[in-house]
Amino acid sequence: MNAMGLIDEVLHFVTGAYRKRVEPRAFEKALAFLESRHGREAVDGALRRFVSIYPPRAVQDGTLSPEQYLRGRDGETSHRTVILEEMLHRSLSNSDPAFEPFRELFDDAPWRRRLPTPS
C-alpha cells in the first residue's frame, strides 16, 4: 500500500516536471483535444462523474458541489485539469498488474461506465 502511494506521488512529480520543463499547458491542451473529439458536454460529464465518485476534499465535505469544484481554480491551475491528471493517474494505476490486490480501492470502472439512456 505504501509503495502504491509512493508511485502515485512519483506520477504527480513526473507530470509536474513535464509541465514545468516541456509543456506548461499540457493538460489544458489535452482537454481541448478531448473536447474537439467528444464535445465539451461529454468531457464535462466524465469529469463530473469522476469527481462524484472520487471527490476532492471540498466536494467530500460538502463545501462545493462537483460542478462548483470543476469551475474553480488553484492559482493558475483549473480544477478541470487537476481532475484530468487524476483520471490519467487512475488509469495508469488500473493498468499496473502489481496493483491488482488493491484494485477495489482505485478501480476506474465506476466512472468509465456510461449512464443509461432514457427510453
PDB file of N, CA and C in Angstrom:
ATOM      1  N   MET A   1       0.823  -1.176   0.000  1.00  0.00           N
ATOM      2  CA  MET A   1       0.000   0.000   0.000  1.00  0.00           C
ATOM      3  C   MET A   1       0.877   1.253   0.000  1.00  0.00           C
ATOM      4  N   ASN A   2       1.922   1.267   0.818  1.00  0.00           N
ATOM      5  CA  ASN A   2       2.823   2.417   0.838  1.00  0.00           C
ATOM      6  C   ASN A   2       3.507   2.605  -0.505  1.00  0.00           C
ATOM      7  N   ALA A   3       3.884   1.504  -1.147  1.00  0.00           N
ATOM      8  CA  ALA A   3       4.533   1.591  -2.453  1.00  0.00           C
ATOM      9  C   ALA A   3       3.585   2.193  -3.483  1.00  0.00           C
ATOM     10  N   MET A   4       2.300   1.846  -3.417  1.00  0.00           N
ATOM     11  CA  MET A   4       1.332   2.419  -4.353  1.00  0.00           C
ATOM     12  C   MET A   4       1.204   3.923  -4.133  1.00  0.00           C
ATOM     13  N   GLY A   5       1.198   4.344  -2.872  1.00  0.00           N
ATOM     14  CA  GLY A   5       1.150   5.778  -2.576  1.00  0.00           C
ATOM     15  C   GLY A   5       2.375   6.496  -3.115  1.00  0.00           C
ATOM     16  N   LEU A   6       3.522   5.850  -2.984  1.00  0.00           N
ATOM     17  CA  LEU A   6       4.759   6.435  -3.492  1.00  0.00           C
ATOM     18  C   LEU A   6       4.722   6.537  -5.021  1.00  0.00           C
ATOM     19  N   ILE A   7       4.221   5.500  -5.669  1.00  0.00           N
ATOM     20  CA  ILE A   7       4.102   5.524  -7.132  1.00  0.00           C
ATOM     21  C   ILE A   7       3.187   6.665  -7.559  1.00  0.00           C
ATOM     22  N   ASP A   8       2.076   6.863  -6.853  1.00  0.00           N
ATOM     23  CA  ASP A   8       1.167   7.961  -7.180  1.00  0.00           C
ATOM     24  C   ASP A   8       1.877   9.303  -7.055  1.00  0.00           C
ATOM     25  N   GLU A   9       2.648   9.474  -5.990  1.00  0.00           N
ATOM     26  CA  GLU A   9       3.386  10.732  -5.812  1.00  0.00           C
ATOM     27  C   GLU A   9       4.441  10.920  -6.906  1.00  0.00           C
ATOM     28  N   VAL A  10       5.093   9.843  -7.304  1.00  0.00           N
ATOM     29  CA  VAL A  10       6.081   9.916  -8.388  1.00  0.00           C
ATOM     30  C   VAL A  10       5.391  10.325  -9.689  1.00  0.00           C
ATOM     31  N   LEU A  11       4.209   9.765  -9.954  1.00  0.00           N
ATOM     32  CA  LEU A  11       3.469  10.146 -11.159  1.00  0.00           C
ATOM     33  C   LEU A  11       3.128  11.637 -11.143  1.00  0.00           C
ATOM     34  N   HIS A  12       2.716  12.149  -9.983  1.00  0.00           N
ATOM     35  CA  HIS A  12       2.438  13.582  -9.878  1.00  0.00           C
ATOM     36  C   HIS A  12       3.718  14.392 -10.116  1.00  0.00           C
ATOM     37  N   PHE A  13       4.824  13.927  -9.576  1.00  0.00           N
ATOM     38  CA  PHE A  13       6.093  14.621  -9.776  1.00  0.00           C
ATOM     39  C   PHE A  13       6.469  14.635 -11.258  1.00  0.00           C
ATOM     40  N   VAL A  14       6.336  13.489 -11.918  1.00  0.00           N
ATOM     41  CA  VAL A  14       6.708  13.379 -13.337  1.00  0.00           C
ATOM     42  C   VAL A  14       5.814  14.271 -14.199  1.00  0.00           C
ATOM     43  N   THR A  15       4.505  14.244 -13.964  1.00  0.00           N
ATOM     44  CA  THR A  15       3.634  15.097 -14.777  1.00  0.00           C
ATOM     45  C   THR A  15       3.900  16.570 -14.480  1.00  0.00           C
ATOM     46  N   GLY A  16       4.204  16.899 -13.225  1.00  0.00           N
ATOM     47  CA  GLY A  16       4.555  18.281 -12.884  1.00  0.00           C
ATOM     48  C   GLY A  16       5.844  18.714 -13.554  1.00  0.00           C
ATOM     49  N   ALA A  17       6.842  17.833 -13.565  1.00  0.00           N
ATOM     50  CA  ALA A  17       8.115  18.143 -14.221  1.00  0.00           C
ATOM     51  C   ALA A  17       7.915  18.314 -15.724  1.00  0.00           C
ATOM     52  N   TYR A  18       7.060  17.476 -16.312  1.00  0.00           N
ATOM     53  CA  TYR A  18       6.777  17.597 -17.739  1.00  0.00           C
ATOM     54  C   TYR A  18       6.153  18.959 -18.030  1.00  0.00           C
ATOM     55  N   ARG A  19       5.167  19.340 -17.225  1.00  0.00           N
ATOM     56  CA  ARG A  19       4.532  20.647 -17.428  1.00  0.00           C
ATOM     57  C   ARG A  19       5.545  21.768 -17.247  1.00  0.00           C
ATOM     58  N   LYS A  20       6.407  21.647 -16.267  1.00  0.00           N
ATOM     59  CA  LYS A  20       7.366  22.715 -15.988  1.00  0.00           C
ATOM     60  C   LYS A  20       8.434  22.827 -17.076  1.00  0.00           C
ATOM     61  N   ARG A  21       8.938  21.712 -17.554  1.00  0.00           N
ATOM     62  CA  ARG A  21      10.083  21.727 -18.472  1.00  0.00           C
ATOM     63  C   ARG A  21       9.720  21.645 -19.946  1.00  0.00           C
ATOM     64  N   VAL A  22       8.591  21.002 -20.244  1.00  0.00           N
ATOM     65  CA  VAL A  22       8.277  20.745 -21.653  1.00  0.00           C
ATOM     66  C   VAL A  22       7.048  21.522 -22.123  1.00  0.00           C
ATOM     67  N   GLU A  23       5.926  21.323 -21.451  1.00  0.00           N
ATOM     68  CA  GLU A  23       4.677  21.926 -21.925  1.00  0.00           C
ATOM     69  C   GLU A  23       3.792  22.325 -20.749  1.00  0.00           C
ATOM     70  N   PRO A  24       3.891  23.597 -20.350  1.00  0.00           N
ATOM     71  CA  PRO A  24       3.112  24.059 -19.199  1.00  0.00           C
ATOM     72  C   PRO A  24       1.601  23.882 -19.357  1.00  0.00           C
ATOM     73  N   ARG A  25       1.130  23.901 -20.587  1.00  0.00           N
ATOM     74  CA  ARG A  25      -0.313  23.792 -20.832  1.00  0.00           C
ATOM     75  C   ARG A  25      -0.727  22.404 -21.314  1.00  0.00           C
ATOM     76  N   ALA A  26       0.020  21.390 -20.938  1.00  0.00           N
ATOM     77  CA  ALA A  26      -0.236  20.028 -21.422  1.00  0.00           C
ATOM     78  C   ALA A  26      -1.669  19.575 -21.157  1.00  0.00           C
ATOM     79  N   PHE A  27      -2.150  19.759 -19.937  1.00  0.00           N
ATOM     80  CA  PHE A  27      -3.489  19.273 -19.616  1.00  0.00           C
ATOM     81  C   PHE A  27      -4.576  20.177 -20.180  1.00  0.00           C
ATOM     82  N   GLU A  28      -4.304  21.465 -20.314  1.00  0.00           N
ATOM     83  CA  GLU A  28      -5.262  22.338 -20.987  1.00  0.00           C
ATOM     84  C   GLU A  28      -5.401  21.914 -22.451  1.00  0.00           C
ATOM     85  N   LYS A  29      -4.269  21.603 -23.085  1.00  0.00           N
ATOM     86  CA  LYS A  29      -4.299  21.154 -24.478  1.00  0.00           C
ATOM     87  C   LYS A  29      -4.988  19.799 -24.591  1.00  0.00           C
ATOM     88  N   ALA A  30      -4.759  18.934 -23.616  1.00  0.00           N
ATOM     89  CA  ALA A  30      -5.417  17.622 -23.624  1.00  0.00           C
ATOM     90  C   ALA A  30      -6.928  17.790 -23.508  1.00  0.00           C
ATOM     91  N   LEU A  31      -7.369  18.688 -22.625  1.00  0.00           N
ATOM     92  CA  LEU A  31      -8.813  18.944 -22.509  1.00  0.00           C
ATOM     93  C   LEU A  31      -9.376  19.488 -23.815  1.00  0.00           C
ATOM     94  N   ALA A  32      -8.663  20.414 -24.442  1.00  0.00           N
ATOM     95  CA  ALA A  32      -9.124  20.978 -25.717  1.00  0.00           C
ATOM     96  C   ALA A  32      -9.218  19.888 -26.784  1.00  0.00           C
ATOM     97  N   PHE A  33      -8.236  18.998 -26.819  1.00  0.00           N
ATOM     98  CA  PHE A  33      -8.267  17.894 -27.779  1.00  0.00           C
ATOM     99  C   PHE A  33      -9.473  16.994 -27.519  1.00  0.00           C
ATOM    100  N   LEU A  34      -9.676  16.615 -26.248  1.00  0.00           N
ATOM    101  CA  LEU A  34     -10.806  15.747 -25.908  1.00  0.00           C
ATOM    102  C   LEU A  34     -12.133  16.409 -26.262  1.00  0.00           C
ATOM    103  N   GLU A  35     -12.239  17.711 -25.998  1.00  0.00           N
ATOM    104  CA  GLU A  35     -13.463  18.433 -26.330  1.00  0.00           C
ATOM    105  C   GLU A  35     -13.687  18.492 -27.837  1.00  0.00           C
ATOM    106  N   SER A  36     -12.617  18.621 -28.612  1.00  0.00           N
ATOM    107  CA  SER A  36     -12.764  18.654 -30.074  1.00  0.00           C
ATOM    108  C   SER A  36     -13.200  17.290 -30.614  1.00  0.00           C
ATOM    109  N   ARG A  37     -12.807  16.233 -29.951  1.00  0.00           N
ATOM    110  CA  ARG A  37     -13.167  14.870 -30.387  1.00  0.00           C
ATOM    111  C   ARG A  37     -14.528  14.429 -29.878  1.00  0.00           C
ATOM    112  N   HIS A  38     -14.868  14.809 -28.627  1.00  0.00           N
ATOM    113  CA  HIS A  38     -16.068  14.258 -27.984  1.00  0.00           C
ATOM    114  C   HIS A  38     -17.090  15.303 -27.573  1.00  0.00           C
ATOM    115  N   GLY A  39     -16.731  16.578 -27.640  1.00  0.00           N
ATOM    116  CA  GLY A  39     -17.628  17.658 -27.237  1.00  0.00           C
ATOM    117  C   GLY A  39     -17.440  18.024 -25.768  1.00  0.00           C
ATOM    118  N   ARG A  40     -17.664  19.280 -25.479  1.00  0.00           N
ATOM    119  CA  ARG A  40     -17.479  19.795 -24.118  1.00  0.00           C
ATOM    120  C   ARG A  40     -18.418  19.097 -23.135  1.00  0.00           C
ATOM    121  N   GLU A  41     -19.644  18.864 -23.539  1.00  0.00           N
ATOM    122  CA  GLU A  41     -20.626  18.245 -22.650  1.00  0.00           C
ATOM    123  C   GLU A  41     -20.189  16.843 -22.223  1.00  0.00           C
ATOM    124  N   ALA A  42     -19.683  16.053 -23.155  1.00  0.00           N
ATOM    125  CA  ALA A  42     -19.231  14.693 -22.822  1.00  0.00           C
ATOM    126  C   ALA A  42     -18.019  14.721 -21.898  1.00  0.00           C
ATOM    127  N   VAL A  43     -17.095  15.631 -22.169  1.00  0.00           N
ATOM    128  CA  VAL A  43     -15.896  15.741 -21.323  1.00  0.00           C
ATOM    129  C   VAL A  43     -16.299  16.195 -19.928  1.00  0.00           C
ATOM    130  N   ASP A  44     -17.153  17.208 -19.848  1.00  0.00           N
ATOM    131  CA  ASP A  44     -17.609  17.677 -18.538  1.00  0.00           C
ATOM    132  C   ASP A  44     -18.361  16.582 -17.790  1.00  0.00           C
ATOM    133  N   GLY A  45     -19.131  15.782 -18.506  1.00  0.00           N
ATOM    134  CA  GLY A  45     -19.846  14.672 -17.869  1.00  0.00           C
ATOM    135  C   GLY A  45     -18.881  13.664 -17.263  1.00  0.00           C
ATOM    136  N   ALA A  46     -17.818  13.341 -17.988  1.00  0.00           N
ATOM    137  CA  ALA A  46     -16.821  12.397 -17.464  1.00  0.00           C
ATOM    138  C   ALA A  46     -16.100  12.989 -16.251  1.00  0.00           C
ATOM    139  N   LEU A  47     -15.756  14.267 -16.321  1.00  0.00           N
ATOM    140  CA  LEU A  47     -15.089  14.923 -15.187  1.00  0.00           C
ATOM    141  C   LEU A  47     -15.999  14.948 -13.961  1.00  0.00           C
ATOM    142  N   ARG A  48     -17.294  15.275 -14.175  1.00  0.00           N
ATOM    143  CA  ARG A  48     -18.250  15.308 -13.059  1.00  0.00           C
ATOM    144  C   ARG A  48     -18.413  13.926 -12.432  1.00  0.00           C
ATOM    145  N   ARG A  49     -18.534  12.893 -13.271  1.00  0.00           N
ATOM    146  CA  ARG A  49     -18.667  11.526 -12.737  1.00  0.00           C
ATOM    147  C   ARG A  49     -17.462  11.163 -11.892  1.00  0.00           C
ATOM    148  N   PHE A  50     -16.273  11.488 -12.390  1.00  0.00           N
ATOM    149  CA  PHE A  50     -15.055  11.168 -11.645  1.00  0.00           C
ATOM    150  C   PHE A  50     -15.047  11.892 -10.303  1.00  0.00           C
ATOM    151  N   VAL A  51     -15.380  13.182 -10.303  1.00  0.00           N
ATOM    152  CA  VAL A  51     -15.391  13.966  -9.065  1.00  0.00           C
ATOM    153  C   VAL A  51     -16.465  13.453  -8.106  1.00  0.00           C
ATOM    154  N   SER A  52     -17.585  12.989  -8.632  1.00  0.00           N
ATOM    155  CA  SER A  52     -18.642  12.461  -7.772  1.00  0.00           C
ATOM    156  C   SER A  52     -18.231  11.147  -7.113  1.00  0.00           C
ATOM    157  N   ILE A  53     -17.493  10.322  -7.834  1.00  0.00           N
ATOM    158  CA  ILE A  53     -17.087   9.007  -7.307  1.00  0.00           C
ATOM    159  C   ILE A  53     -15.826   9.111  -6.460  1.00  0.00           C
ATOM    160  N   TYR A  54     -14.892   9.969  -6.871  1.00  0.00           N
ATOM    161  CA  TYR A  54     -13.624  10.161  -6.151  1.00  0.00           C
ATOM    162  C   TYR A  54     -13.504  11.646  -5.780  1.00  0.00           C
ATOM    163  N   PRO A  55     -14.307  12.096  -4.821  1.00  0.00           N
ATOM    164  CA  PRO A  55     -14.379  13.538  -4.556  1.00  0.00           C
ATOM    165  C   PRO A  55     -13.141  14.111  -3.883  1.00  0.00           C
ATOM    166  N   PRO A  56     -12.718  15.301  -4.350  1.00  0.00           N
ATOM    167  CA  PRO A  56     -11.692  16.045  -3.614  1.00  0.00           C
ATOM    168  C   PRO A  56     -12.296  16.489  -2.275  1.00  0.00           C
ATOM    169  N   ARG A  57     -11.464  16.915  -1.366  1.00  0.00           N
ATOM    170  CA  ARG A  57     -11.920  17.249  -0.012  1.00  0.00           C
ATOM    171  C   ARG A  57     -13.090  18.234   0.007  1.00  0.00           C
ATOM    172  N   ALA A  58     -13.025  19.286  -0.804  1.00  0.00           N
ATOM    173  CA  ALA A  58     -14.087  20.302  -0.796  1.00  0.00           C
ATOM    174  C   ALA A  58     -15.434  19.729  -1.225  1.00  0.00           C
ATOM    175  N   VAL A  59     -15.427  18.728  -2.091  1.00  0.00           N
ATOM    176  CA  VAL A  59     -16.668  18.078  -2.513  1.00  0.00           C
ATOM    177  C   VAL A  59     -17.082  17.060  -1.451  1.00  0.00           C
ATOM    178  N   GLN A  60     -16.123  16.337  -0.944  1.00  0.00           N
ATOM    179  CA  GLN A  60     -16.405  15.314   0.068  1.00  0.00           C
ATOM    180  C   GLN A  60     -17.038  15.916   1.318  1.00  0.00           C
ATOM    181  N   ASP A  61     -16.544  17.079   1.742  1.00  0.00           N
ATOM    182  CA  ASP A  61     -17.091  17.676   2.966  1.00  0.00           C
ATOM    183  C   ASP A  61     -18.319  18.553   2.704  1.00  0.00           C
ATOM    184  N   GLY A  62     -18.772  18.629   1.450  1.00  0.00           N
ATOM    185  CA  GLY A  62     -19.987  19.352   1.117  1.00  0.00           C
ATOM    186  C   GLY A  62     -19.808  20.848   0.923  1.00  0.00           C
ATOM    187  N   THR A  63     -18.570  21.323   0.959  1.00  0.00           N
ATOM    188  CA  THR A  63     -18.315  22.746   0.742  1.00  0.00           C
ATOM    189  C   THR A  63     -18.675  23.155  -0.684  1.00  0.00           C
ATOM    190  N   LEU A  64     -18.353  22.285  -1.644  1.00  0.00           N
ATOM    191  CA  LEU A  64     -18.637  22.551  -3.058  1.00  0.00           C
ATOM    192  C   LEU A  64     -19.329  21.345  -3.685  1.00  0.00           C
ATOM    193  N   SER A  65     -20.168  21.618  -4.672  1.00  0.00           N
ATOM    194  CA  SER A  65     -20.722  20.541  -5.491  1.00  0.00           C
ATOM    195  C   SER A  65     -19.660  20.164  -6.521  1.00  0.00           C
ATOM    196  N   PRO A  66     -19.796  19.007  -7.170  1.00  0.00           N
ATOM    197  CA  PRO A  66     -18.838  18.665  -8.233  1.00  0.00           C
ATOM    198  C   PRO A  66     -18.758  19.750  -9.315  1.00  0.00           C
ATOM    199  N   GLU A  67     -19.898  20.324  -9.681  1.00  0.00           N
ATOM    200  CA  GLU A  67     -19.913  21.358 -10.709  1.00  0.00           C
ATOM    201  C   GLU A  67     -19.160  22.602 -10.250  1.00  0.00           C
ATOM    202  N   GLN A  68     -19.396  23.001  -8.998  1.00  0.00           N
ATOM    203  CA  GLN A  68     -18.687  24.173  -8.461  1.00  0.00           C
ATOM    204  C   GLN A  68     -17.186  23.912  -8.411  1.00  0.00           C
ATOM    205  N   TYR A  69     -16.824  22.724  -7.974  1.00  0.00           N
ATOM    206  CA  TYR A  69     -15.398  22.395  -7.895  1.00  0.00           C
ATOM    207  C   TYR A  69     -14.757  22.495  -9.279  1.00  0.00           C
ATOM    208  N   LEU A  70     -15.400  21.925 -10.284  1.00  0.00           N
ATOM    209  CA  LEU A  70     -14.830  21.913 -11.632  1.00  0.00           C
ATOM    210  C   LEU A  70     -14.735  23.307 -12.244  1.00  0.00           C
ATOM    211  N   ARG A  71     -15.529  24.246 -11.768  1.00  0.00           N
ATOM    212  CA  ARG A  71     -15.422  25.632 -12.259  1.00  0.00           C
ATOM    213  C   ARG A  71     -14.288  26.383 -11.567  1.00  0.00           C
ATOM    214  N   GLY A  72     -13.742  25.815 -10.490  1.00  0.00           N
ATOM    215  CA  GLY A  72     -12.744  26.514  -9.692  1.00  0.00           C
ATOM    216  C   GLY A  72     -11.322  26.375 -10.206  1.00  0.00           C
ATOM    217  N   ARG A  73     -10.438  27.038  -9.473  1.00  0.00           N
ATOM    218  CA  ARG A  73      -9.015  27.055  -9.808  1.00  0.00           C
ATOM    219  C   ARG A  73      -8.201  27.028  -8.528  1.00  0.00           C
ATOM    220  N   ASP A  74      -7.011  26.524  -8.628  1.00  0.00           N
ATOM    221  CA  ASP A  74      -5.986  26.670  -7.592  1.00  0.00           C
ATOM    222  C   ASP A  74      -4.899  27.519  -8.225  1.00  0.00           C
ATOM    223  N   GLY A  75      -4.928  28.812  -7.953  1.00  0.00           N
ATOM    224  CA  GLY A  75      -3.992  29.716  -8.616  1.00  0.00           C
ATOM    225  C   GLY A  75      -4.289  29.750 -10.093  1.00  0.00           C
ATOM    226  N   GLU A  76      -3.305  29.392 -10.894  1.00  0.00           N
ATOM    227  CA  GLU A  76      -3.478  29.393 -12.350  1.00  0.00           C
ATOM    228  C   GLU A  76      -3.937  28.049 -12.895  1.00  0.00           C
ATOM    229  N   THR A  77      -4.097  27.055 -12.021  1.00  0.00           N
ATOM    230  CA  THR A  77      -4.451  25.707 -12.454  1.00  0.00           C
ATOM    231  C   THR A  77      -5.940  25.459 -12.289  1.00  0.00           C
ATOM    232  N   SER A  78      -6.606  25.146 -13.389  1.00  0.00           N
ATOM    233  CA  SER A  78      -8.045  24.869 -13.301  1.00  0.00           C
ATOM    234  C   SER A  78      -8.262  23.498 -12.670  1.00  0.00           C
ATOM    235  N   HIS A  79      -9.355  23.384 -11.932  1.00  0.00           N
ATOM    236  CA  HIS A  79      -9.688  22.097 -11.333  1.00  0.00           C
ATOM    237  C   HIS A  79     -10.003  21.054 -12.402  1.00  0.00           C
ATOM    238  N   ARG A  80     -10.468  21.498 -13.560  1.00  0.00           N
ATOM    239  CA  ARG A  80     -10.721  20.546 -14.650  1.00  0.00           C
ATOM    240  C   ARG A  80      -9.426  19.841 -15.043  1.00  0.00           C
ATOM    241  N   THR A  81      -8.317  20.579 -15.104  1.00  0.00           N
ATOM    242  CA  THR A  81      -7.042  19.945 -15.465  1.00  0.00           C
ATOM    243  C   THR A  81      -6.523  19.081 -14.318  1.00  0.00           C
ATOM    244  N   VAL A  82      -6.785  19.489 -13.083  1.00  0.00           N
ATOM    245  CA  VAL A  82      -6.384  18.674 -11.924  1.00  0.00           C
ATOM    246  C   VAL A  82      -7.082  17.315 -12.003  1.00  0.00           C
ATOM    247  N   ILE A  83      -8.381  17.335 -12.300  1.00  0.00           N
ATOM    248  CA  ILE A  83      -9.143  16.080 -12.368  1.00  0.00           C
ATOM    249  C   ILE A  83      -8.712  15.253 -13.566  1.00  0.00           C
ATOM    250  N   LEU A  84      -8.419  15.891 -14.695  1.00  0.00           N
ATOM    251  CA  LEU A  84      -7.925  15.131 -15.839  1.00  0.00           C
ATOM    252  C   LEU A  84      -6.623  14.410 -15.483  1.00  0.00           C
ATOM    253  N   GLU A  85      -5.736  15.084 -14.768  1.00  0.00           N
ATOM    254  CA  GLU A  85      -4.490  14.446 -14.325  1.00  0.00           C
ATOM    255  C   GLU A  85      -4.798  13.264 -13.401  1.00  0.00           C
ATOM    256  N   GLU A  86      -5.743  13.441 -12.490  1.00  0.00           N
ATOM    257  CA  GLU A  86      -6.121  12.345 -11.590  1.00  0.00           C
ATOM    258  C   GLU A  86      -6.703  11.174 -12.374  1.00  0.00           C
ATOM    259  N   MET A  87      -7.470  11.474 -13.407  1.00  0.00           N
ATOM    260  CA  MET A  87      -8.030  10.415 -14.249  1.00  0.00           C
ATOM    261  C   MET A  87      -6.910   9.645 -14.949  1.00  0.00           C
ATOM    262  N   LEU A  88      -5.909  10.366 -15.432  1.00  0.00           N
ATOM    263  CA  LEU A  88      -4.759   9.724 -16.068  1.00  0.00           C
ATOM    264  C   LEU A  88      -4.049   8.812 -15.080  1.00  0.00           C
ATOM    265  N   HIS A  89      -3.800   9.313 -13.886  1.00  0.00           N
ATOM    266  CA  HIS A  89      -3.107   8.505 -12.879  1.00  0.00           C
ATOM    267  C   HIS A  89      -3.931   7.290 -12.476  1.00  0.00           C
ATOM    268  N   ARG A  90      -5.231   7.466 -12.366  1.00  0.00           N
ATOM    269  CA  ARG A  90      -6.110   6.339 -12.022  1.00  0.00           C
ATOM    270  C   ARG A  90      -6.045   5.284 -13.115  1.00  0.00           C
ATOM    271  N   SER A  91      -6.048   5.719 -14.353  1.00  0.00           N
ATOM    272  CA  SER A  91      -5.955   4.790 -15.476  1.00  0.00           C
ATOM    273  C   SER A  91      -4.629   4.033 -15.454  1.00  0.00           C
ATOM    274  N   LEU A  92      -3.539   4.743 -15.189  1.00  0.00           N
ATOM    275  CA  LEU A  92      -2.232   4.083 -15.111  1.00  0.00           C
ATOM    276  C   LEU A  92      -2.195   3.075 -13.962  1.00  0.00           C
ATOM    277  N   SER A  93      -2.790   3.425 -12.841  1.00  0.00           N
ATOM    278  CA  SER A  93      -2.843   2.506 -11.709  1.00  0.00           C
ATOM    279  C   SER A  93      -3.625   1.244 -12.063  1.00  0.00           C
ATOM    280  N   ASN A  94      -4.721   1.423 -12.787  1.00  0.00           N
ATOM    281  CA  ASN A  94      -5.540   0.274 -13.161  1.00  0.00           C
ATOM    282  C   ASN A  94      -4.858  -0.623 -14.183  1.00  0.00           C
ATOM    283  N   SER A  95      -3.891  -0.102 -14.892  1.00  0.00           N
ATOM    284  CA  SER A  95      -3.194  -0.924 -15.883  1.00  0.00           C
ATOM    285  C   SER A  95      -1.957  -1.607 -15.296  1.00  0.00           C
ATOM    286  N   ASP A  96      -1.630  -1.308 -14.043  1.00  0.00           N
ATOM    287  CA  ASP A  96      -0.451  -1.891 -13.397  1.00  0.00           C
ATOM    288  C   ASP A  96      -0.842  -3.185 -12.696  1.00  0.00           C
ATOM    289  N   PRO A  97      -0.352  -4.346 -13.175  1.00  0.00           N
ATOM    290  CA  PRO A  97      -0.737  -5.615 -12.559  1.00  0.00           C
ATOM    291  C   PRO A  97      -0.330  -5.731 -11.089  1.00  0.00           C
ATOM    292  N   ALA A  98       0.683  -4.997 -10.670  1.00  0.00           N
ATOM    293  CA  ALA A  98       1.110  -5.066  -9.272  1.00  0.00           C
ATOM    294  C   ALA A  98       0.063  -4.458  -8.339  1.00  0.00           C
ATOM    295  N   PHE A  99      -0.825  -3.643  -8.869  1.00  0.00           N
ATOM    296  CA  PHE A  99      -1.859  -3.013  -8.048  1.00  0.00           C
ATOM    297  C   PHE A  99      -3.102  -3.897  -7.900  1.00  0.00           C
ATOM    298  N   GLU A 100      -3.158  -5.005  -8.604  1.00  0.00           N
ATOM    299  CA  GLU A 100      -4.345  -5.868  -8.649  1.00  0.00           C
ATOM    300  C   GLU A 100      -4.915  -6.211  -7.268  1.00  0.00           C
ATOM    301  N   PRO A 101      -4.089  -6.567  -6.279  1.00  0.00           N
ATOM    302  CA  PRO A 101      -4.679  -6.931  -4.978  1.00  0.00           C
ATOM    303  C   PRO A 101      -5.462  -5.794  -4.308  1.00  0.00           C
ATOM    304  N   PHE A 102      -5.241  -4.569  -4.738  1.00  0.00           N
ATOM    305  CA  PHE A 102      -5.905  -3.417  -4.130  1.00  0.00           C
ATOM    306  C   PHE A 102      -6.840  -2.711  -5.107  1.00  0.00           C
ATOM    307  N   ARG A 103      -7.184  -3.375  -6.202  1.00  0.00           N
ATOM    308  CA  ARG A 103      -7.983  -2.754  -7.263  1.00  0.00           C
ATOM    309  C   ARG A 103      -9.257  -2.101  -6.731  1.00  0.00           C
ATOM    310  N   GLU A 104      -9.904  -2.702  -5.747  1.00  0.00           N
ATOM    311  CA  GLU A 104     -11.166  -2.135  -5.256  1.00  0.00           C
ATOM    312  C   GLU A 104     -10.987  -0.720  -4.709  1.00  0.00           C
ATOM    313  N   LEU A 105      -9.774  -0.339  -4.348  1.00  0.00           N
ATOM    314  CA  LEU A 105      -9.523   0.998  -3.822  1.00  0.00           C
ATOM    315  C   LEU A 105      -9.415   2.064  -4.905  1.00  0.00           C
ATOM    316  N   PHE A 106      -9.079   1.641  -6.137  1.00  0.00           N
ATOM    317  CA  PHE A 106      -8.859   2.648  -7.181  1.00  0.00           C
ATOM    318  C   PHE A 106      -9.424   2.235  -8.535  1.00  0.00           C
ATOM    319  N   ASP A 107     -10.303   1.254  -8.548  1.00  0.00           N
ATOM    320  CA  ASP A 107     -10.886   0.781  -9.796  1.00  0.00           C
ATOM    321  C   ASP A 107     -11.596   1.931 -10.514  1.00  0.00           C
ATOM    322  N   ASP A 108     -11.308   2.098 -11.794  1.00  0.00           N
ATOM    323  CA  ASP A 108     -11.904   3.202 -12.545  1.00  0.00           C
ATOM    324  C   ASP A 108     -13.173   2.807 -13.295  1.00  0.00           C
ATOM    325  N   ALA A 109     -13.616   1.569 -13.152  1.00  0.00           N
ATOM    326  CA  ALA A 109     -14.823   1.129 -13.854  1.00  0.00           C
ATOM    327  C   ALA A 109     -16.054   1.977 -13.535  1.00  0.00           C
ATOM    328  N   PRO A 110     -16.273   2.397 -12.264  1.00  0.00           N
ATOM    329  CA  PRO A 110     -17.491   3.175 -11.997  1.00  0.00           C
ATOM    330  C   PRO A 110     -17.603   4.471 -12.797  1.00  0.00           C
ATOM    331  N   TRP A 111     -16.520   5.194 -12.993  1.00  0.00           N
ATOM    332  CA  TRP A 111     -16.647   6.452 -13.733  1.00  0.00           C
ATOM    333  C   TRP A 111     -16.551   6.254 -15.229  1.00  0.00           C
ATOM    334  N   ARG A 112     -16.063   5.099 -15.665  1.00  0.00           N
ATOM    335  CA  ARG A 112     -15.975   4.857 -17.106  1.00  0.00           C
ATOM    336  C   ARG A 112     -17.298   4.350 -17.675  1.00  0.00           C
ATOM    337  N   ARG A 113     -18.143   3.788 -16.827  1.00  0.00           N
ATOM    338  CA  ARG A 113     -19.436   3.273 -17.311  1.00  0.00           C
ATOM    339  C   ARG A 113     -20.285   4.410 -17.853  1.00  0.00           C
ATOM    340  N   ARG A 114     -20.946   4.101 -18.927  1.00  0.00           N
ATOM    341  CA  ARG A 114     -21.875   5.108 -19.498  1.00  0.00           C
ATOM    342  C   ARG A 114     -23.164   5.080 -18.692  1.00  0.00           C
ATOM    343  N   LEU A 115     -23.738   6.244 -18.535  1.00  0.00           N
ATOM    344  CA  LEU A 115     -25.044   6.322 -17.868  1.00  0.00           C
ATOM    345  C   LEU A 115     -26.102   5.737 -18.795  1.00  0.00           C
ATOM    346  N   PRO A 116     -27.106   5.074 -18.230  1.00  0.00           N
ATOM    347  CA  PRO A 116     -28.163   4.519 -19.097  1.00  0.00           C
ATOM    348  C   PRO A 116     -28.898   5.637 -19.832  1.00  0.00           C
ATOM    349  N   THR A 117     -29.263   5.353 -21.057  1.00  0.00           N
ATOM    350  CA  THR A 117     -30.013   6.354 -21.829  1.00  0.00           C
ATOM    351  C   THR A 117     -31.488   6.200 -21.537  1.00  0.00           C
ATOM    352  N   PRO A 118     -32.211   7.319 -21.420  1.00  0.00           N
ATOM    353  CA  PRO A 118     -33.645   7.230 -21.160  1.00  0.00           C
ATOM    354  C   PRO A 118     -34.359   6.610 -22.355  1.00  0.00           C
ATOM    355  N   SER A 119     -35.392   5.828 -22.091  1.00  0.00           N
ATOM    356  CA  SER A 119     -36.117   5.199 -23.206  1.00  0.00           C
ATOM    357  C   SER A 119     -37.264   6.049 -23.651  1.00  0.00           C
TER     358      SER A 119
END
